[in-house]
C-alpha cells in the first residue's frame, strides 16, 4: 500500500523451509507502490552479497507475481551477472483464488499445473511462507514508524522522552490510555507537556 515497503526472501532446501536463510529487506528510495522497482531492489540486495562472498545460488528462484515482476527480476539478475539462474513467476489466478495460479517462465511461456500436482503444492507452500514472513516484517516496521511519528510530532517530545514514555507505559497504547496525571508522573514530563501529549493522542 506504499507504506513501509518490505520485501521478503524465504528458502526451501532439501525437504523443508530453511529459516536461517530467510531475509527481509526494507525498500526505500522508490515510488510508493512500485512493485517492479521493489523487486529489482530486493534481488540486488539479496544476491549482491552472494556474489561478493561466492555464496550459494538457488537452483530455482520463485518470483511472486506475473509478467511484469518476472521481467523486472530477469533485468536485475542479468545486471548482477546471474542470468543463468532459473526464474519462475507465480501469478495469482482469477479473483486471486488459490489453486488457479499460472507459472510464468522468464521467456514468457506459461504453465498451469493440476491442483493436486506435488510441485504445485510446494510452490504454494513457499509463496505462502514468503507472504507470511513479509507481512510480519511489514507490520512491525509500519507499527514502529507510526509509534515514532505519533509521538515525534508532538512539540517537546524528542527521542529520549519518547523512549521514556514508551518504556514507562509499555508501548504506545499504554501512553494513549494514560491520563494527564499519569503522564505528568513520568520523569522529565511537566504538567503542561502532559496536557499537550494527552490532547495530541486524543
N, C-alpha and C. Protein backbone atom coordinates (compact mmCIF):
# COMPACT_ATOMS: atom_id res chain seq x y z
N UNK A 1 0.82 -1.21 0.00
CA UNK A 1 0.00 0.00 0.00
C UNK A 1 0.86 1.26 0.00
N UNK A 2 2.13 1.10 -0.34
CA UNK A 2 3.00 2.25 -0.46
C UNK A 2 3.54 2.76 0.87
N UNK A 3 3.27 2.03 1.94
CA UNK A 3 3.77 2.47 3.24
C UNK A 3 4.71 1.41 3.79
N UNK A 4 5.93 1.80 4.12
CA UNK A 4 6.90 0.89 4.72
C UNK A 4 7.06 -0.37 3.86
N UNK A 5 7.58 -0.20 2.63
CA UNK A 5 7.74 -1.33 1.71
C UNK A 5 8.76 -2.33 2.24
N UNK A 6 8.33 -3.58 2.35
CA UNK A 6 9.20 -4.66 2.83
C UNK A 6 9.16 -5.80 1.83
N UNK A 7 10.34 -6.30 1.45
CA UNK A 7 10.41 -7.47 0.57
C UNK A 7 10.94 -8.63 1.39
N UNK A 8 10.49 -9.83 1.05
CA UNK A 8 10.97 -10.99 1.79
C UNK A 8 11.52 -12.04 0.84
N UNK A 9 12.45 -12.82 1.37
CA UNK A 9 13.02 -13.94 0.63
C UNK A 9 13.06 -15.13 1.57
N UNK A 10 12.40 -16.21 1.20
CA UNK A 10 12.45 -17.42 2.00
C UNK A 10 13.19 -18.49 1.20
N UNK A 11 13.67 -19.50 1.89
CA UNK A 11 14.49 -20.52 1.24
C UNK A 11 13.96 -21.91 1.57
N UNK A 12 13.84 -22.72 0.53
CA UNK A 12 13.45 -24.12 0.69
C UNK A 12 14.63 -24.96 0.25
N UNK A 13 15.06 -25.87 1.11
CA UNK A 13 16.22 -26.71 0.77
C UNK A 13 15.97 -28.12 1.26
N UNK A 14 16.29 -29.09 0.42
CA UNK A 14 16.07 -30.49 0.80
C UNK A 14 14.60 -30.79 0.82
N UNK A 15 14.03 -30.90 2.01
CA UNK A 15 12.59 -31.17 2.07
C UNK A 15 11.90 -30.28 3.10
N UNK A 16 12.47 -29.09 3.34
CA UNK A 16 11.87 -28.21 4.34
C UNK A 16 12.32 -26.77 4.13
N UNK A 17 11.59 -25.85 4.78
CA UNK A 17 11.97 -24.45 4.76
C UNK A 17 13.25 -24.27 5.59
N UNK A 18 14.17 -23.43 5.11
CA UNK A 18 15.43 -23.19 5.81
C UNK A 18 15.40 -21.77 6.40
N UNK A 19 14.83 -21.68 7.60
CA UNK A 19 14.55 -20.36 8.18
C UNK A 19 15.80 -19.54 8.47
N UNK A 20 16.93 -20.18 8.68
CA UNK A 20 18.16 -19.43 8.96
C UNK A 20 18.60 -18.60 7.76
N UNK A 21 18.12 -18.94 6.57
CA UNK A 21 18.49 -18.20 5.36
C UNK A 21 17.42 -17.20 4.92
N UNK A 22 16.35 -17.07 5.69
CA UNK A 22 15.32 -16.09 5.36
C UNK A 22 15.91 -14.69 5.46
N UNK A 23 15.45 -13.80 4.61
CA UNK A 23 15.88 -12.41 4.68
C UNK A 23 14.69 -11.49 4.40
N UNK A 24 14.69 -10.34 5.11
CA UNK A 24 13.71 -9.29 4.83
C UNK A 24 14.48 -8.04 4.48
N UNK A 25 13.95 -7.27 3.54
CA UNK A 25 14.63 -6.06 3.11
C UNK A 25 13.69 -4.87 3.16
N UNK A 26 14.12 -3.81 3.84
CA UNK A 26 13.37 -2.56 3.82
C UNK A 26 13.73 -1.86 2.52
N UNK A 27 12.72 -1.56 1.72
CA UNK A 27 12.95 -0.96 0.41
C UNK A 27 12.64 0.53 0.49
N UNK A 28 13.66 1.34 0.30
CA UNK A 28 13.48 2.80 0.35
C UNK A 28 13.95 3.40 -0.97
N UNK A 29 13.56 4.64 -1.20
CA UNK A 29 14.03 5.36 -2.38
C UNK A 29 13.32 4.99 -3.66
N UNK A 30 12.14 4.36 -3.55
CA UNK A 30 11.37 4.05 -4.76
C UNK A 30 10.01 4.75 -4.65
N UNK A 31 9.31 4.85 -5.77
CA UNK A 31 7.97 5.41 -5.75
C UNK A 31 7.07 4.45 -4.98
N UNK A 32 6.33 4.93 -3.97
CA UNK A 32 5.46 4.03 -3.20
C UNK A 32 4.54 3.22 -4.11
N UNK A 33 4.50 1.91 -3.87
CA UNK A 33 3.64 1.04 -4.66
C UNK A 33 4.26 0.52 -5.95
N UNK A 34 5.51 0.90 -6.24
CA UNK A 34 6.16 0.44 -7.48
C UNK A 34 6.74 -0.95 -7.24
N UNK A 35 5.93 -1.97 -7.53
CA UNK A 35 6.34 -3.37 -7.31
C UNK A 35 7.59 -3.75 -8.09
N UNK A 36 7.70 -3.22 -9.31
CA UNK A 36 8.80 -3.62 -10.17
C UNK A 36 10.14 -3.09 -9.62
N UNK A 37 10.13 -1.84 -9.18
CA UNK A 37 11.34 -1.26 -8.60
C UNK A 37 11.69 -1.98 -7.30
N UNK A 38 10.66 -2.32 -6.52
CA UNK A 38 10.88 -3.05 -5.26
C UNK A 38 11.49 -4.42 -5.54
N UNK A 39 11.02 -5.08 -6.59
CA UNK A 39 11.55 -6.39 -6.96
C UNK A 39 13.04 -6.29 -7.32
N UNK A 40 13.37 -5.29 -8.15
CA UNK A 40 14.78 -5.11 -8.55
C UNK A 40 15.66 -4.81 -7.33
N UNK A 41 15.17 -3.95 -6.46
CA UNK A 41 15.94 -3.58 -5.27
C UNK A 41 16.15 -4.78 -4.35
N UNK A 42 15.11 -5.58 -4.16
CA UNK A 42 15.21 -6.74 -3.27
C UNK A 42 16.19 -7.78 -3.81
N UNK A 43 16.11 -8.06 -5.10
CA UNK A 43 17.01 -9.06 -5.68
C UNK A 43 18.46 -8.58 -5.67
N UNK A 44 18.65 -7.29 -5.92
CA UNK A 44 20.00 -6.73 -5.89
C UNK A 44 20.59 -6.87 -4.48
N UNK A 45 19.79 -6.52 -3.46
CA UNK A 45 20.26 -6.66 -2.08
C UNK A 45 20.55 -8.12 -1.74
N UNK A 46 19.66 -9.00 -2.15
CA UNK A 46 19.77 -10.42 -1.78
C UNK A 46 21.00 -11.07 -2.39
N UNK A 47 21.25 -10.79 -3.66
CA UNK A 47 22.29 -11.56 -4.36
C UNK A 47 23.62 -10.82 -4.52
N UNK A 48 23.64 -9.52 -4.26
CA UNK A 48 24.90 -8.78 -4.33
C UNK A 48 25.92 -9.38 -3.36
N UNK A 49 25.44 -9.68 -2.15
CA UNK A 49 26.32 -10.24 -1.13
C UNK A 49 26.76 -11.66 -1.52
N UNK A 50 25.83 -12.42 -2.10
CA UNK A 50 26.16 -13.80 -2.53
C UNK A 50 27.30 -13.80 -3.54
N UNK A 51 27.27 -12.82 -4.43
CA UNK A 51 28.30 -12.73 -5.46
C UNK A 51 29.65 -12.41 -4.80
N UNK A 52 29.65 -11.40 -3.90
CA UNK A 52 30.89 -10.99 -3.23
C UNK A 52 31.51 -12.12 -2.43
N UNK A 53 30.65 -12.93 -1.81
CA UNK A 53 31.15 -13.98 -0.91
C UNK A 53 31.15 -15.37 -1.56
N UNK A 54 30.92 -15.41 -2.88
CA UNK A 54 30.81 -16.69 -3.59
C UNK A 54 29.81 -17.62 -2.89
N UNK A 55 28.68 -17.03 -2.53
CA UNK A 55 27.66 -17.78 -1.80
C UNK A 55 26.88 -18.74 -2.70
N UNK A 56 26.01 -19.50 -2.08
CA UNK A 56 25.20 -20.48 -2.80
C UNK A 56 24.09 -19.76 -3.55
N UNK A 57 23.92 -20.12 -4.81
CA UNK A 57 22.83 -19.57 -5.62
C UNK A 57 21.71 -20.60 -5.70
N UNK A 58 20.47 -20.14 -5.85
CA UNK A 58 19.35 -21.09 -5.90
C UNK A 58 19.31 -21.87 -7.21
N UNK A 59 18.80 -23.11 -7.11
CA UNK A 59 18.56 -23.89 -8.33
C UNK A 59 17.36 -23.31 -9.07
N UNK A 60 16.43 -22.76 -8.30
CA UNK A 60 15.21 -22.17 -8.87
C UNK A 60 14.83 -20.99 -8.00
N UNK A 61 14.54 -19.85 -8.64
CA UNK A 61 14.13 -18.65 -7.92
C UNK A 61 12.67 -18.38 -8.26
N UNK A 62 11.81 -18.53 -7.27
CA UNK A 62 10.38 -18.26 -7.47
C UNK A 62 10.11 -16.78 -7.23
N UNK A 63 9.43 -16.17 -8.18
CA UNK A 63 9.10 -14.75 -8.09
C UNK A 63 7.60 -14.63 -7.90
N UNK A 64 7.20 -13.92 -6.84
CA UNK A 64 5.77 -13.74 -6.56
C UNK A 64 5.24 -12.64 -7.47
N UNK A 65 4.55 -13.03 -8.52
CA UNK A 65 3.99 -12.04 -9.43
C UNK A 65 3.91 -12.55 -10.86
N UNK A 66 3.40 -11.69 -11.72
CA UNK A 66 3.18 -12.06 -13.12
C UNK A 66 4.30 -11.60 -14.03
N UNK A 67 3.91 -11.28 -15.28
CA UNK A 67 4.91 -10.97 -16.31
C UNK A 67 5.75 -9.75 -15.97
N UNK A 68 5.15 -8.73 -15.38
CA UNK A 68 5.90 -7.51 -15.02
C UNK A 68 6.97 -7.80 -13.99
N UNK A 69 6.58 -8.56 -12.96
CA UNK A 69 7.54 -8.89 -11.90
C UNK A 69 8.67 -9.79 -12.41
N UNK A 70 8.31 -10.77 -13.23
CA UNK A 70 9.33 -11.70 -13.73
C UNK A 70 10.29 -10.94 -14.67
N UNK A 71 9.75 -9.99 -15.43
CA UNK A 71 10.59 -9.19 -16.31
C UNK A 71 11.58 -8.34 -15.51
N UNK A 72 11.09 -7.74 -14.40
CA UNK A 72 11.97 -6.96 -13.53
C UNK A 72 13.04 -7.85 -12.90
N UNK A 73 12.65 -9.06 -12.53
CA UNK A 73 13.58 -10.00 -11.91
C UNK A 73 14.66 -10.41 -12.90
N UNK A 74 14.26 -10.66 -14.15
CA UNK A 74 15.22 -11.03 -15.19
C UNK A 74 16.25 -9.91 -15.38
N UNK A 75 15.75 -8.66 -15.43
CA UNK A 75 16.65 -7.50 -15.60
C UNK A 75 17.66 -7.43 -14.45
N UNK A 76 17.13 -7.55 -13.22
CA UNK A 76 18.01 -7.44 -12.04
C UNK A 76 19.05 -8.55 -12.02
N UNK A 77 18.62 -9.77 -12.29
CA UNK A 77 19.56 -10.90 -12.23
C UNK A 77 20.59 -10.82 -13.36
N UNK A 78 20.18 -10.34 -14.52
CA UNK A 78 21.10 -10.18 -15.65
C UNK A 78 22.15 -9.13 -15.32
N UNK A 79 21.70 -7.99 -14.73
CA UNK A 79 22.63 -6.93 -14.33
C UNK A 79 23.64 -7.43 -13.30
N UNK A 80 23.21 -8.37 -12.47
CA UNK A 80 24.10 -8.93 -11.45
C UNK A 80 25.03 -10.00 -12.02
N UNK A 81 24.81 -10.35 -13.29
CA UNK A 81 25.61 -11.40 -13.90
C UNK A 81 25.14 -12.79 -13.52
N UNK A 82 23.86 -12.87 -13.10
CA UNK A 82 23.30 -14.15 -12.66
C UNK A 82 22.16 -14.59 -13.58
N UNK A 83 22.31 -14.27 -14.85
CA UNK A 83 21.25 -14.61 -15.81
C UNK A 83 21.00 -16.09 -15.98
N UNK A 84 21.94 -16.92 -15.48
CA UNK A 84 21.77 -18.38 -15.64
C UNK A 84 20.83 -18.98 -14.60
N UNK A 85 20.49 -18.22 -13.54
CA UNK A 85 19.60 -18.75 -12.50
C UNK A 85 18.19 -18.89 -13.08
N UNK A 86 17.59 -20.05 -12.90
CA UNK A 86 16.26 -20.32 -13.43
C UNK A 86 15.22 -19.54 -12.63
N UNK A 87 14.39 -18.75 -13.33
CA UNK A 87 13.35 -17.95 -12.70
C UNK A 87 11.98 -18.47 -13.07
N UNK A 88 11.06 -18.40 -12.13
CA UNK A 88 9.69 -18.83 -12.39
C UNK A 88 8.73 -17.92 -11.63
N UNK A 89 7.88 -17.21 -12.37
CA UNK A 89 6.89 -16.33 -11.75
C UNK A 89 5.67 -17.13 -11.32
N UNK A 90 5.09 -16.72 -10.20
CA UNK A 90 3.87 -17.36 -9.69
C UNK A 90 2.79 -16.28 -9.70
N UNK A 91 1.98 -16.28 -10.77
CA UNK A 91 0.96 -15.25 -10.95
C UNK A 91 -0.36 -15.70 -10.33
N UNK A 92 -1.00 -14.78 -9.63
CA UNK A 92 -2.28 -15.10 -8.99
C UNK A 92 -3.33 -15.40 -10.04
N UNK A 93 -4.25 -16.29 -9.69
CA UNK A 93 -5.31 -16.66 -10.62
C UNK A 93 -6.45 -15.66 -10.60
N UNK A 94 -7.52 -16.00 -11.31
CA UNK A 94 -8.70 -15.14 -11.36
C UNK A 94 -9.22 -14.92 -9.94
N UNK A 95 -9.57 -13.68 -9.67
CA UNK A 95 -10.09 -13.29 -8.35
C UNK A 95 -9.13 -13.69 -7.24
N UNK A 96 -7.85 -13.87 -7.62
CA UNK A 96 -6.78 -14.19 -6.65
C UNK A 96 -7.06 -15.47 -5.87
N UNK A 97 -7.82 -16.38 -6.48
CA UNK A 97 -8.18 -17.62 -5.79
C UNK A 97 -7.01 -18.60 -5.78
N UNK A 98 -6.68 -19.15 -4.61
CA UNK A 98 -5.62 -20.16 -4.55
C UNK A 98 -5.99 -21.37 -5.40
N UNK A 99 -5.00 -21.92 -6.07
CA UNK A 99 -5.25 -23.09 -6.91
C UNK A 99 -5.39 -22.75 -8.38
N UNK A 100 -5.51 -21.46 -8.68
CA UNK A 100 -5.66 -21.04 -10.08
C UNK A 100 -4.43 -20.28 -10.58
N UNK A 101 -3.32 -20.39 -9.83
CA UNK A 101 -2.11 -19.67 -10.21
C UNK A 101 -1.54 -20.15 -11.54
N UNK A 102 -0.92 -19.23 -12.26
CA UNK A 102 -0.22 -19.55 -13.50
C UNK A 102 1.27 -19.38 -13.26
N UNK A 103 2.05 -20.32 -13.72
CA UNK A 103 3.50 -20.24 -13.60
C UNK A 103 4.05 -19.64 -14.90
N UNK A 104 4.92 -18.64 -14.76
CA UNK A 104 5.44 -17.93 -15.93
C UNK A 104 6.95 -18.04 -15.97
N UNK A 105 7.47 -18.54 -17.08
CA UNK A 105 8.92 -18.66 -17.26
C UNK A 105 9.50 -17.33 -17.73
N UNK A 106 10.80 -17.18 -17.59
CA UNK A 106 11.47 -15.94 -17.97
C UNK A 106 11.27 -15.61 -19.45
N UNK A 107 11.11 -16.66 -20.28
CA UNK A 107 10.93 -16.41 -21.72
C UNK A 107 9.48 -16.17 -22.11
N UNK A 108 8.59 -16.07 -21.11
CA UNK A 108 7.19 -15.76 -21.38
C UNK A 108 6.27 -16.97 -21.45
N UNK A 109 6.84 -18.18 -21.52
CA UNK A 109 5.99 -19.37 -21.55
C UNK A 109 5.18 -19.48 -20.25
N UNK A 110 3.97 -20.01 -20.38
CA UNK A 110 3.11 -20.15 -19.21
C UNK A 110 2.77 -21.61 -18.97
N UNK A 111 2.54 -21.95 -17.72
CA UNK A 111 2.24 -23.33 -17.35
C UNK A 111 1.22 -23.32 -16.22
N UNK A 112 0.20 -24.16 -16.36
CA UNK A 112 -0.76 -24.34 -15.27
C UNK A 112 -0.67 -25.79 -14.82
N UNK A 113 -0.27 -25.99 -13.58
CA UNK A 113 -0.18 -27.35 -13.03
C UNK A 113 -1.52 -27.73 -12.40
N UNK A 114 -1.79 -29.02 -12.40
CA UNK A 114 -3.02 -29.51 -11.75
C UNK A 114 -2.96 -29.19 -10.26
N UNK A 115 -4.12 -28.94 -9.66
CA UNK A 115 -4.18 -28.56 -8.25
C UNK A 115 -3.55 -29.60 -7.33
N UNK A 116 -3.60 -30.87 -7.76
CA UNK A 116 -3.07 -31.92 -6.90
C UNK A 116 -1.61 -32.28 -7.24
N UNK A 117 -0.99 -31.50 -8.12
CA UNK A 117 0.40 -31.77 -8.50
C UNK A 117 1.32 -31.43 -7.32
N UNK A 118 2.22 -32.36 -6.92
CA UNK A 118 3.09 -32.09 -5.76
C UNK A 118 3.97 -30.86 -5.94
N UNK A 119 4.40 -30.60 -7.18
CA UNK A 119 5.21 -29.41 -7.45
C UNK A 119 4.42 -28.14 -7.19
N UNK A 120 3.13 -28.18 -7.53
CA UNK A 120 2.27 -27.03 -7.32
C UNK A 120 2.08 -26.77 -5.82
N UNK A 121 1.92 -27.84 -5.05
CA UNK A 121 1.79 -27.71 -3.59
C UNK A 121 3.04 -27.09 -2.99
N UNK A 122 4.20 -27.51 -3.48
CA UNK A 122 5.47 -26.98 -2.98
C UNK A 122 5.57 -25.48 -3.28
N UNK A 123 5.22 -25.09 -4.50
CA UNK A 123 5.29 -23.68 -4.90
C UNK A 123 4.35 -22.84 -4.04
N UNK A 124 3.15 -23.36 -3.80
CA UNK A 124 2.20 -22.63 -2.94
C UNK A 124 2.74 -22.50 -1.51
N UNK A 125 3.35 -23.55 -1.02
CA UNK A 125 3.90 -23.53 0.34
C UNK A 125 4.97 -22.46 0.47
N UNK A 126 5.88 -22.40 -0.50
CA UNK A 126 6.96 -21.43 -0.47
C UNK A 126 6.41 -20.01 -0.61
N UNK A 127 5.48 -19.82 -1.55
CA UNK A 127 4.88 -18.50 -1.76
C UNK A 127 4.14 -18.02 -0.51
N UNK A 128 3.34 -18.91 0.10
CA UNK A 128 2.59 -18.54 1.31
C UNK A 128 3.52 -18.19 2.47
N UNK A 129 4.63 -18.91 2.58
CA UNK A 129 5.59 -18.64 3.63
C UNK A 129 6.27 -17.28 3.40
N UNK A 130 6.55 -16.97 2.14
CA UNK A 130 7.15 -15.66 1.82
C UNK A 130 6.18 -14.54 2.19
N UNK A 131 4.89 -14.75 1.91
CA UNK A 131 3.88 -13.75 2.27
C UNK A 131 3.84 -13.57 3.79
N UNK A 132 3.79 -14.67 4.51
CA UNK A 132 3.71 -14.62 5.97
C UNK A 132 4.91 -13.85 6.54
N UNK A 133 6.09 -14.19 6.03
CA UNK A 133 7.33 -13.59 6.53
C UNK A 133 7.37 -12.09 6.21
N UNK A 134 6.92 -11.72 5.01
CA UNK A 134 6.92 -10.30 4.63
C UNK A 134 5.91 -9.50 5.44
N UNK A 135 4.72 -10.08 5.62
CA UNK A 135 3.66 -9.36 6.34
C UNK A 135 4.05 -9.13 7.79
N UNK A 136 4.67 -10.13 8.41
CA UNK A 136 5.13 -9.98 9.79
C UNK A 136 6.10 -8.81 9.89
N UNK A 137 7.06 -8.74 8.97
CA UNK A 137 8.04 -7.66 8.97
C UNK A 137 7.43 -6.32 8.65
N UNK A 138 6.48 -6.32 7.72
CA UNK A 138 5.84 -5.06 7.33
C UNK A 138 5.04 -4.47 8.49
N UNK A 139 4.31 -5.34 9.19
CA UNK A 139 3.51 -4.85 10.33
C UNK A 139 4.40 -4.27 11.41
N UNK A 140 5.52 -4.94 11.66
CA UNK A 140 6.45 -4.47 12.70
C UNK A 140 7.03 -3.12 12.29
N UNK A 141 7.44 -3.01 11.03
CA UNK A 141 8.05 -1.75 10.57
C UNK A 141 7.03 -0.63 10.55
N UNK A 142 5.83 -0.94 10.06
CA UNK A 142 4.78 0.08 9.99
C UNK A 142 4.39 0.54 11.38
N UNK A 143 4.27 -0.42 12.30
CA UNK A 143 3.91 -0.09 13.67
C UNK A 143 4.96 0.80 14.31
N UNK A 144 6.22 0.47 14.08
CA UNK A 144 7.32 1.25 14.64
C UNK A 144 7.31 2.67 14.07
N UNK A 145 7.09 2.77 12.76
CA UNK A 145 7.07 4.09 12.11
C UNK A 145 5.93 4.93 12.67
N UNK A 146 4.77 4.28 12.90
CA UNK A 146 3.62 5.04 13.40
C UNK A 146 3.83 5.46 14.85
N UNK A 147 4.42 4.60 15.65
CA UNK A 147 4.71 4.97 17.04
C UNK A 147 5.63 6.17 17.06
N UNK A 148 6.69 6.12 16.25
CA UNK A 148 7.66 7.22 16.23
C UNK A 148 7.01 8.51 15.75
N UNK A 149 6.28 8.44 14.64
CA UNK A 149 5.72 9.67 14.09
C UNK A 149 4.65 10.24 15.01
N UNK A 150 3.86 9.38 15.66
CA UNK A 150 2.80 9.87 16.53
C UNK A 150 3.37 10.67 17.69
N UNK A 151 4.41 10.16 18.33
CA UNK A 151 4.99 10.87 19.47
C UNK A 151 5.97 11.96 19.04
N UNK A 152 6.69 11.72 17.94
CA UNK A 152 7.67 12.71 17.48
C UNK A 152 7.00 13.97 16.98
N UNK A 153 5.76 13.85 16.54
CA UNK A 153 5.05 15.02 16.01
C UNK A 153 4.62 15.98 17.12
N UNK A 154 4.76 15.56 18.36
CA UNK A 154 4.35 16.41 19.48
C UNK A 154 5.52 17.30 19.89
N UNK A 155 5.27 18.60 19.92
CA UNK A 155 6.32 19.55 20.30
C UNK A 155 6.80 19.25 21.71
N UNK A 156 8.12 19.20 21.87
CA UNK A 156 8.68 18.94 23.19
C UNK A 156 9.01 17.48 23.45
N UNK A 157 8.66 16.60 22.49
CA UNK A 157 8.98 15.17 22.64
C UNK A 157 10.08 14.80 21.66
N UNK A 158 11.25 14.56 22.20
CA UNK A 158 12.37 14.11 21.38
C UNK A 158 12.57 12.62 21.58
N UNK A 159 13.61 12.04 21.02
CA UNK A 159 13.86 10.60 21.14
C UNK A 159 13.93 10.11 22.59
N UNK A 160 14.58 10.91 23.46
CA UNK A 160 14.77 10.48 24.84
C UNK A 160 13.43 10.41 25.59
N UNK A 161 12.64 11.47 25.47
CA UNK A 161 11.33 11.47 26.16
C UNK A 161 10.40 10.43 25.57
N UNK A 162 10.45 10.24 24.24
CA UNK A 162 9.61 9.23 23.60
C UNK A 162 9.93 7.85 24.18
N UNK A 163 11.23 7.58 24.29
CA UNK A 163 11.66 6.28 24.82
C UNK A 163 11.19 6.11 26.27
N UNK A 164 11.32 7.18 27.07
CA UNK A 164 10.87 7.12 28.47
C UNK A 164 9.39 6.80 28.56
N UNK A 165 8.60 7.48 27.75
CA UNK A 165 7.15 7.28 27.77
C UNK A 165 6.78 5.85 27.37
N UNK A 166 7.38 5.37 26.28
CA UNK A 166 7.06 4.02 25.79
C UNK A 166 7.47 2.97 26.80
N UNK A 167 8.62 3.15 27.43
CA UNK A 167 9.07 2.17 28.43
C UNK A 167 8.20 2.24 29.68
N UNK A 168 7.85 3.45 30.12
CA UNK A 168 7.06 3.63 31.33
C UNK A 168 5.67 3.00 31.20
N UNK A 169 5.05 3.19 30.01
CA UNK A 169 3.67 2.72 29.82
C UNK A 169 3.57 1.43 29.00
N UNK A 170 4.73 0.87 28.63
CA UNK A 170 4.72 -0.42 27.93
C UNK A 170 4.28 -0.36 26.48
N UNK A 171 4.43 0.80 25.85
CA UNK A 171 4.06 0.92 24.44
C UNK A 171 3.12 2.09 24.20
N UNK A 172 2.84 2.34 22.93
CA UNK A 172 2.01 3.50 22.55
C UNK A 172 0.60 3.40 23.12
N UNK A 173 0.03 2.19 23.11
CA UNK A 173 -1.34 2.04 23.63
C UNK A 173 -1.40 2.44 25.10
N UNK A 174 -0.37 2.08 25.84
CA UNK A 174 -0.32 2.46 27.25
C UNK A 174 -0.23 3.96 27.43
N UNK A 175 0.54 4.62 26.56
CA UNK A 175 0.65 6.08 26.61
C UNK A 175 -0.71 6.69 26.30
N UNK A 176 -1.40 6.14 25.29
CA UNK A 176 -2.73 6.64 24.92
C UNK A 176 -3.73 6.49 26.06
N UNK A 177 -3.61 5.38 26.78
CA UNK A 177 -4.58 5.10 27.86
C UNK A 177 -4.31 5.93 29.12
N UNK A 178 -3.13 6.52 29.18
CA UNK A 178 -2.74 7.26 30.40
C UNK A 178 -3.43 8.62 30.46
N UNK A 179 -3.82 9.00 31.66
CA UNK A 179 -4.39 10.33 31.87
C UNK A 179 -3.28 11.35 32.05
N UNK A 180 -3.68 12.61 32.17
CA UNK A 180 -2.71 13.70 32.31
C UNK A 180 -1.86 13.50 33.56
N UNK A 181 -2.47 13.11 34.68
CA UNK A 181 -1.72 12.92 35.92
C UNK A 181 -0.66 11.84 35.76
N UNK A 182 -1.04 10.73 35.12
CA UNK A 182 -0.10 9.62 34.92
C UNK A 182 1.05 10.05 34.01
N UNK A 183 0.73 10.79 32.97
CA UNK A 183 1.76 11.27 32.05
C UNK A 183 2.73 12.22 32.77
N UNK A 184 2.17 13.08 33.62
CA UNK A 184 2.99 14.06 34.33
C UNK A 184 3.87 13.40 35.40
N UNK A 185 3.54 12.16 35.76
CA UNK A 185 4.35 11.47 36.77
C UNK A 185 5.65 10.91 36.20
N UNK A 186 5.77 10.91 34.87
CA UNK A 186 6.98 10.40 34.23
C UNK A 186 8.08 11.45 34.35
N UNK A 187 9.25 11.01 34.71
CA UNK A 187 10.40 11.90 34.89
C UNK A 187 10.65 12.73 33.63
N UNK A 188 10.72 14.06 33.79
CA UNK A 188 11.00 14.93 32.66
C UNK A 188 9.77 15.41 31.91
N UNK A 189 8.57 14.95 32.32
CA UNK A 189 7.33 15.36 31.67
C UNK A 189 6.59 16.34 32.60
N UNK A 190 6.55 17.60 32.21
CA UNK A 190 5.86 18.60 33.02
C UNK A 190 4.35 18.45 32.86
N UNK A 191 3.62 19.11 33.74
CA UNK A 191 2.15 19.07 33.66
C UNK A 191 1.69 19.64 32.31
N UNK A 192 2.31 20.72 31.91
CA UNK A 192 1.94 21.36 30.64
C UNK A 192 2.20 20.43 29.46
N UNK A 193 3.36 19.75 29.48
CA UNK A 193 3.69 18.82 28.40
C UNK A 193 2.77 17.61 28.43
N UNK A 194 2.42 17.17 29.64
CA UNK A 194 1.49 16.04 29.78
C UNK A 194 0.14 16.37 29.14
N UNK A 195 -0.31 17.59 29.35
CA UNK A 195 -1.59 18.03 28.73
C UNK A 195 -1.48 18.08 27.22
N UNK A 196 -0.32 18.53 26.73
CA UNK A 196 -0.08 18.59 25.27
C UNK A 196 -0.10 17.20 24.66
N UNK A 197 0.58 16.24 25.35
CA UNK A 197 0.62 14.85 24.88
C UNK A 197 -0.80 14.27 24.87
N UNK A 198 -1.53 14.49 25.94
CA UNK A 198 -2.87 13.92 26.04
C UNK A 198 -3.75 14.44 24.90
N UNK A 199 -3.68 15.75 24.66
CA UNK A 199 -4.51 16.34 23.58
C UNK A 199 -4.10 15.77 22.22
N UNK A 200 -2.79 15.64 22.00
CA UNK A 200 -2.30 15.16 20.70
C UNK A 200 -2.72 13.71 20.42
N UNK A 201 -2.82 12.91 21.48
CA UNK A 201 -3.17 11.49 21.28
C UNK A 201 -4.67 11.22 21.34
N UNK A 202 -5.44 12.25 21.63
CA UNK A 202 -6.90 12.07 21.68
C UNK A 202 -7.57 13.04 20.74
